[in-house]
Amino acid sequence: MGKLTSSIRCSVNVTVGEKEERMMMTGMHTVVDLFCVGCGEILGWKYEIAYEKNQKYKEGKFILERFKILGPDGSNYLVTPEVQVGESDADDA
């Protein structure tokens, strides 16, 4: 796949696919793909089961691919100045 950017314990705005066994560079793992709730694009995967003892630390962790989040040039999908993250109409009440 692509260059990896992050391993996180929780995520927002993603949904998971079906469990499948996949041979990764570090051995066999059971994984689920992560999909963007907004557009349905695959963003990365979550490790469900690692079969190699030295890979067990990955279980339950999410991997997001940098180019899927930022785009190939690293500048796509950025929040624009007009968007106020974390605020809602209820904040004005």
Protein backbone atom coordinates (compact mmCIF):
# COMPACT_ATOMS: atom_id res chain seq x y z
CA MET A 1 0.00 0.00 0.00
CA GLY A 2 1.45 3.44 0.71
CA LYS A 3 3.56 5.22 3.26
CA LEU A 4 2.11 4.80 6.74
CA THR A 5 1.41 7.83 8.85
CA SER A 6 -0.22 6.93 12.12
CA SER A 7 -1.21 4.20 14.52
CA ILE A 8 -4.07 5.32 16.75
CA ARG A 9 -6.28 3.71 19.37
CA CYS A 10 -9.59 5.28 18.34
CA SER A 11 -10.98 7.07 15.34
CA VAL A 12 -13.91 9.21 14.24
CA ASN A 13 -15.76 9.28 10.94
CA VAL A 14 -14.65 5.84 9.78
CA THR A 15 -16.44 2.53 9.45
CA VAL A 16 -14.86 -0.92 9.21
CA GLY A 17 -15.19 -3.67 6.63
CA GLU A 18 -15.26 -7.44 7.03
CA LYS A 19 -12.45 -9.31 8.78
CA GLU A 20 -9.99 -10.94 6.40
CA GLU A 21 -6.64 -12.66 6.69
CA ARG A 22 -3.94 -10.73 4.89
CA MET A 23 -0.24 -11.40 4.40
CA MET A 24 1.55 -8.21 5.36
CA MET A 25 5.27 -7.45 5.23
CA THR A 26 5.51 -8.49 8.90
CA GLY A 27 3.55 -11.74 8.54
CA MET A 28 -0.04 -12.96 8.52
CA HIS A 29 -2.66 -10.78 10.23
CA THR A 30 -6.44 -10.64 10.46
CA VAL A 31 -7.42 -7.08 9.51
CA VAL A 32 -10.44 -4.95 8.67
CA ASP A 33 -10.28 -2.10 6.15
CA LEU A 34 -11.22 1.40 7.35
CA PHE A 35 -13.58 3.44 5.18
CA CYS A 36 -14.37 7.16 5.25
CA VAL A 37 -17.98 7.66 6.35
CA GLY A 38 -18.30 10.68 4.03
CA CYS A 39 -16.98 9.33 0.73
CA GLY A 40 -16.54 5.57 1.25
CA GLU A 41 -12.82 5.62 0.32
CA ILE A 42 -10.51 3.10 2.00
CA LEU A 43 -8.26 5.06 4.39
CA GLY A 44 -6.27 2.24 5.96
CA TRP A 45 -6.85 -0.80 8.13
CA LYS A 46 -7.17 -2.06 11.71
CA TYR A 47 -5.19 -5.01 13.03
CA GLU A 48 -7.57 -7.51 14.64
CA ILE A 49 -5.20 -10.48 15.12
CA ALA A 50 -1.43 -10.77 14.72
CA TYR A 51 -0.26 -14.37 14.41
CA GLU A 52 3.43 -13.70 15.08
CA LYS A 53 4.27 -13.28 18.77
CA ASN A 54 6.48 -10.25 18.12
CA GLN A 55 3.61 -8.52 16.25
CA LYS A 56 0.93 -8.86 18.98
CA TYR A 57 1.40 -5.21 19.99
CA LYS A 58 -0.42 -4.22 16.76
CA GLU A 59 -3.72 -5.85 17.75
CA GLY A 60 -6.51 -3.28 18.03
CA LYS A 61 -4.47 -0.50 16.39
CA PHE A 62 -5.49 1.50 13.33
CA ILE A 63 -3.20 2.38 10.42
CA LEU A 64 -4.08 5.39 8.26
CA GLU A 65 -2.29 5.96 4.97
CA ARG A 66 -0.94 9.50 4.64
CA PHE A 67 -1.80 9.94 0.94
CA LYS A 68 -5.39 8.77 1.58
CA ILE A 69 -5.82 11.51 4.20
CA LEU A 70 -3.77 14.37 2.72
CA GLY A 71 -3.68 13.49 -0.98
CA PRO A 72 -0.60 12.80 -3.10
CA ASP A 73 0.89 16.29 -2.72
CA GLY A 74 0.12 16.58 1.00
CA SER A 75 -2.17 19.59 0.60
CA ASN A 76 -5.61 18.11 -0.12
CA TYR A 77 -8.44 17.78 2.40
CA LEU A 78 -7.24 20.59 4.66
CA VAL A 79 -9.74 22.51 6.78
CA THR A 80 -10.51 25.89 5.21
CA PRO A 81 -10.52 29.09 7.30
CA GLU A 82 -14.32 29.39 7.01
CA VAL A 83 -14.81 26.08 8.82
CA GLN A 84 -14.84 26.39 12.58
CA VAL A 85 -13.93 22.99 13.93
CA GLY A 86 -15.63 21.95 17.16
CA GLU A 87 -18.36 24.57 17.16
CA SER A 88 -22.05 24.20 16.43
CA ASP A 89 -25.16 26.35 16.37
CA ALA A 90 -25.86 25.25 19.94
CA ASP A 91 -22.67 27.05 21.06
CA ASP A 92 -24.32 30.41 20.27
CA ALA A 93 -27.35 29.75 22.49
